[in-house]
Amino acid sequence: MERDYGQEIDKLKQELGEMREQLSSVLELLTASASELKGLGDQRKHDFDGRDYVGHVQKMRHMHPDSHINALMDDCENACGQDGDTGKITYLGVFASGGNQSSWVRKDVSGNDLLALAENGTARSVLACIGSQEKLNILTALLRKPSNVAQLVEKCGFGSTGQVYHHLKPLLAADLVSELNGGHQKGYYQVSPHRVQGIAMILCGISDLTASRYGLSRFENAAEEEEKPEPEG
């Protein structure tokens, strides 16, 4: 019986073609898997101590007894690591006093944007505007309750209404304080409602800076050093 070599060769060619297609499919799957694994590795890696990372951010598990707070922290860590930002800050709060209320929620505030506020002079301008004790006394008095100038003289220990007006004017110009309008409220001042959040958060930052484990004394010492004359030469 004679062999049909031409038919056998055609069959081998067909089988080789099918094998090429199968190998091509396997290579595509391997390439896709490798790419997917690399992406996961870029987002989340484990060092030799078993610590968990998203990008450059180490995951800090169970920092708070409340699971809802931990979930917010998890979101911040993921967003920061994925964006390559210096930080992602989420905060919320409510301040209710003197018949007024301010509530706020801020999510994923950029750390890069916060640093820019210090670098471009914005932070200096704001802190300079509210930085004197007299202005802070006015702001805190008005946070507690809207007041007129005579009441501010009494609450803040000023010697005259002129002193109140002197320190009140820059606060009004900066829109930190506004005058109530209408009826018996005329002549009364309040912290502008859209500014309450910012002032409260500045005070939150000061609370962190002066927490008992760090203390206020270092800031007092720094102020004393600032006041010393520079050495000559």
Protein backbone atom coordinates (compact mmCIF):
# COMPACT_ATOMS: atom_id res chain seq x y z
CA MET A 1 0.00 0.00 0.00
CA GLU A 2 1.52 3.25 -1.09
CA ARG A 3 1.73 6.20 1.35
CA ASP A 4 0.28 9.54 0.31
CA TYR A 5 3.14 11.76 1.43
CA GLY A 6 1.45 14.87 0.11
CA GLN A 7 -1.62 14.25 2.26
CA GLU A 8 0.55 13.49 5.31
CA ILE A 9 2.52 16.71 4.79
CA ASP A 10 -0.71 18.72 4.49
CA LYS A 11 -1.97 17.16 7.70
CA LEU A 12 1.28 17.98 9.51
CA LYS A 13 1.06 21.58 8.27
CA GLN A 14 -2.49 21.81 9.58
CA GLU A 15 -1.46 20.41 12.98
CA LEU A 16 1.52 22.82 13.16
CA GLY A 17 -0.81 25.72 12.34
CA GLU A 18 -3.18 24.70 15.13
CA MET A 19 -0.24 24.40 17.55
CA ARG A 20 0.93 27.89 16.58
CA GLU A 21 -2.54 29.30 17.30
CA GLN A 22 -2.66 27.57 20.68
CA LEU A 23 0.84 28.79 21.59
CA SER A 24 -0.11 32.32 20.53
CA SER A 25 -3.19 32.21 22.78
CA VAL A 26 -1.10 30.93 25.71
CA LEU A 27 1.49 33.67 25.18
CA GLU A 28 -1.25 36.33 25.13
CA LEU A 29 -2.68 35.00 28.39
CA LEU A 30 0.77 34.92 30.00
CA THR A 31 1.53 38.47 28.84
CA ALA A 32 -1.80 39.77 30.15
CA SER A 33 -1.32 37.99 33.48
CA ALA A 34 2.20 39.38 33.84
CA SER A 35 0.95 42.89 33.10
CA GLU A 36 -1.90 42.52 35.58
CA LEU A 37 0.43 41.22 38.28
CA LYS A 38 2.84 44.12 37.66
CA GLY A 39 -0.04 46.58 38.06
CA LEU A 40 -1.03 45.00 41.34
CA GLY A 41 2.59 45.05 42.43
CA ASP A 42 2.84 48.76 41.67
CA GLN A 43 -0.27 49.49 43.73
CA ARG A 44 0.32 47.16 46.61
CA LYS A 45 3.51 45.48 47.72
CA HIS A 46 4.69 43.64 50.79
CA ASP A 47 8.13 44.18 52.24
CA PHE A 48 10.11 41.50 54.05
CA ASP A 49 8.40 42.33 57.36
CA GLY A 50 4.99 41.64 55.86
CA ARG A 51 3.88 45.27 55.89
CA ASP A 52 1.17 46.18 53.42
CA TYR A 53 1.56 49.11 51.01
CA VAL A 54 -0.44 50.98 48.40
CA GLY A 55 2.13 52.76 46.28
CA HIS A 56 4.38 54.61 48.73
CA VAL A 57 1.82 54.52 51.58
CA GLN A 58 1.95 51.90 54.30
CA LYS A 59 -1.47 50.59 55.34
CA MET A 60 -2.14 51.17 59.03
CA ARG A 61 -4.73 48.65 60.15
CA HIS A 62 -7.17 49.08 63.04
CA MET A 63 -5.97 52.50 64.19
CA HIS A 64 -9.35 53.31 65.73
CA PRO A 65 -11.92 51.19 67.60
CA ASP A 66 -14.68 52.48 65.29
CA SER A 67 -14.80 50.50 62.03
CA HIS A 68 -16.29 53.49 60.19
CA ILE A 69 -13.23 55.59 61.07
CA ASN A 70 -10.94 52.78 59.94
CA ALA A 71 -12.80 52.64 56.63
CA LEU A 72 -12.21 56.38 56.10
CA MET A 73 -8.51 55.91 56.89
CA ASP A 74 -8.36 53.03 54.41
CA ASP A 75 -9.87 55.27 51.72
CA CYS A 76 -7.33 58.03 52.46
CA GLU A 77 -4.39 55.60 52.30
CA ASN A 78 -5.58 54.10 49.02
CA ALA A 79 -6.19 57.51 47.41
CA CYS A 80 -2.81 58.86 48.56
CA GLY A 81 -0.88 55.80 47.41
CA GLN A 82 -2.60 55.59 44.04
CA ASP A 83 -2.19 59.32 43.29
CA GLY A 84 1.40 59.54 44.54
CA ASP A 85 0.37 62.57 46.63
CA THR A 86 2.06 63.64 49.86
CA GLY A 87 -1.26 63.20 51.64
CA LYS A 88 -5.01 62.76 51.50
CA ILE A 89 -6.90 64.24 54.44
CA THR A 90 -10.59 63.74 55.18
CA TYR A 91 -12.34 65.60 57.99
CA LEU A 92 -15.80 66.55 59.16
CA GLY A 93 -17.38 68.37 62.06
CA VAL A 94 -20.13 70.51 63.48
CA PHE A 95 -19.89 73.70 65.55
CA ALA A 96 -23.09 74.98 67.16
CA SER A 97 -23.09 77.96 69.51
CA GLY A 98 -25.06 81.14 70.13
CA GLY A 99 -27.94 80.05 67.94
CA ASN A 100 -25.74 79.41 64.90
CA GLN A 101 -24.51 76.13 63.46
CA SER A 102 -21.88 75.20 60.91
CA SER A 103 -21.43 71.63 59.63
CA TRP A 104 -18.84 70.49 57.13
CA VAL A 105 -17.32 67.49 55.36
CA ARG A 106 -14.10 67.58 53.33
CA LYS A 107 -12.82 64.44 51.62
CA ASP A 108 -9.43 63.63 50.10
CA VAL A 109 -7.88 67.07 50.55
CA SER A 110 -4.54 66.97 48.72
CA GLY A 111 -1.39 67.15 50.82
CA ASN A 112 0.40 68.74 47.87
CA ASP A 113 -2.21 71.51 47.78
CA LEU A 114 -1.83 72.12 51.52
CA LEU A 115 1.95 72.48 51.22
CA ALA A 116 1.43 74.93 48.38
CA LEU A 117 -0.56 77.19 50.74
CA ALA A 118 2.58 77.56 52.88
CA GLU A 119 4.91 77.96 49.91
CA ASN A 120 2.92 80.62 48.05
CA GLY A 121 2.40 82.90 51.09
CA THR A 122 -1.32 82.20 51.60
CA ALA A 123 -0.80 80.63 55.03
CA ARG A 124 1.38 83.56 56.14
CA SER A 125 -1.29 86.09 55.12
CA VAL A 126 -4.07 84.24 56.94
CA LEU A 127 -2.07 83.66 60.12
CA ALA A 128 -0.89 87.27 60.15
CA CYS A 129 -4.51 88.46 59.91
CA ILE A 130 -5.73 86.47 62.91
CA GLY A 131 -2.47 86.09 64.82
CA SER A 132 -2.78 88.78 67.49
CA GLN A 133 -4.32 87.90 70.84
CA GLU A 134 -6.79 90.77 70.50
CA LYS A 135 -8.14 89.45 67.18
CA LEU A 136 -8.27 85.90 68.51
CA ASN A 137 -10.23 87.14 71.55
CA ILE A 138 -12.76 88.80 69.24
CA LEU A 139 -13.09 85.72 67.05
CA THR A 140 -13.60 83.33 69.96
CA ALA A 141 -16.12 85.68 71.60
CA LEU A 142 -18.09 85.84 68.35
CA LEU A 143 -17.84 82.07 67.85
CA ARG A 144 -19.57 81.67 71.19
CA LYS A 145 -22.27 84.24 70.45
CA PRO A 146 -22.87 87.20 68.11
CA SER A 147 -22.10 90.43 69.97
CA ASN A 148 -22.07 94.20 69.57
CA VAL A 149 -19.05 96.38 70.16
CA ALA A 150 -20.00 97.26 73.75
CA GLN A 151 -20.30 93.57 74.60
CA LEU A 152 -16.93 92.85 72.98
CA VAL A 153 -15.33 95.54 75.16
CA GLU A 154 -16.60 93.68 78.22
CA LYS A 155 -15.99 90.11 77.01
CA CYS A 156 -12.50 90.70 75.63
CA GLY A 157 -11.19 93.13 78.23
CA PHE A 158 -10.70 96.12 75.93
CA GLY A 159 -10.39 99.59 77.40
CA SER A 160 -12.62 101.32 74.85
CA THR A 161 -14.85 100.77 71.83
CA GLY A 162 -12.13 102.37 69.71
CA GLN A 163 -9.80 99.47 70.51
CA VAL A 164 -12.47 97.00 69.42
CA TYR A 165 -13.00 98.80 66.12
CA HIS A 166 -9.23 98.91 65.53
CA HIS A 167 -8.94 95.12 65.71
CA LEU A 168 -12.35 94.45 64.17
CA LYS A 169 -11.68 96.32 60.92
CA PRO A 170 -9.12 93.87 59.45
CA LEU A 171 -11.36 90.94 60.42
CA LEU A 172 -14.24 92.58 58.56
CA ALA A 173 -12.00 93.34 55.56
CA ALA A 174 -10.94 89.68 55.41
CA ASP A 175 -14.59 88.57 55.61
CA LEU A 176 -13.78 86.60 58.75
CA VAL A 177 -16.39 88.66 60.60
CA SER A 178 -19.63 90.08 59.22
CA GLU A 179 -22.35 92.35 60.60
CA LEU A 180 -25.82 90.95 61.15
CA ASN A 181 -28.56 92.83 59.34
CA GLY A 182 -32.15 93.57 60.20
CA GLY A 183 -34.17 94.54 63.23
CA HIS A 184 -32.70 94.10 66.68
CA GLN A 185 -29.61 92.37 65.19
CA LYS A 186 -28.27 95.55 63.61
CA GLY A 187 -24.93 96.48 65.13
CA TYR A 188 -24.18 92.88 66.11
CA TYR A 189 -21.25 90.96 64.63
CA GLN A 190 -20.69 87.27 63.98
CA VAL A 191 -17.97 85.05 62.54
CA SER A 192 -18.97 84.75 58.89
CA PRO A 193 -20.75 81.37 58.61
CA HIS A 194 -18.54 80.13 55.75
CA ARG A 195 -15.44 80.93 57.85
CA VAL A 196 -16.39 78.99 60.99
CA GLN A 197 -15.08 75.72 59.56
CA GLY A 198 -11.67 77.15 58.73
CA ILE A 199 -11.17 78.80 62.12
CA ALA A 200 -12.29 75.63 63.92
CA MET A 201 -9.85 73.53 61.87
CA ILE A 202 -6.97 75.93 62.60
CA LEU A 203 -7.73 75.46 66.30
CA CYS A 204 -7.83 71.68 65.75
CA GLY A 205 -4.33 71.89 64.30
CA ILE A 206 -3.14 73.94 67.28
CA SER A 207 -4.71 71.34 69.58
CA ASP A 208 -2.65 68.65 67.84
CA LEU A 209 0.55 70.73 68.00
CA THR A 210 0.15 71.40 71.72
CA ALA A 211 -1.17 67.98 72.81
CA SER A 212 0.03 66.89 76.24
CA ARG A 213 2.65 64.53 74.80
CA TYR A 214 4.28 67.47 73.00
CA GLY A 215 3.35 70.44 75.19
CA LEU A 216 3.06 74.18 74.71
CA SER A 217 6.39 74.99 76.35
CA ARG A 218 8.40 74.44 73.19
CA PHE A 219 6.37 77.07 71.34
CA GLU A 220 6.83 79.49 74.23
CA ASN A 221 10.58 78.83 74.19
CA ALA A 222 10.64 79.37 70.43
CA ALA A 223 8.84 82.71 70.84
CA GLU A 224 11.43 83.81 73.38
CA GLU A 225 14.24 82.86 71.00
CA GLU A 226 12.53 84.79 68.20
CA GLU A 227 12.48 87.93 70.34
CA LYS A 228 16.20 87.82 71.15
CA PRO A 229 18.31 90.29 69.13
CA GLU A 230 20.41 88.83 66.36
CA PRO A 231 24.14 88.67 67.15
CA GLU A 232 26.20 91.36 65.52
CA GLY A 233 28.66 90.48 62.82
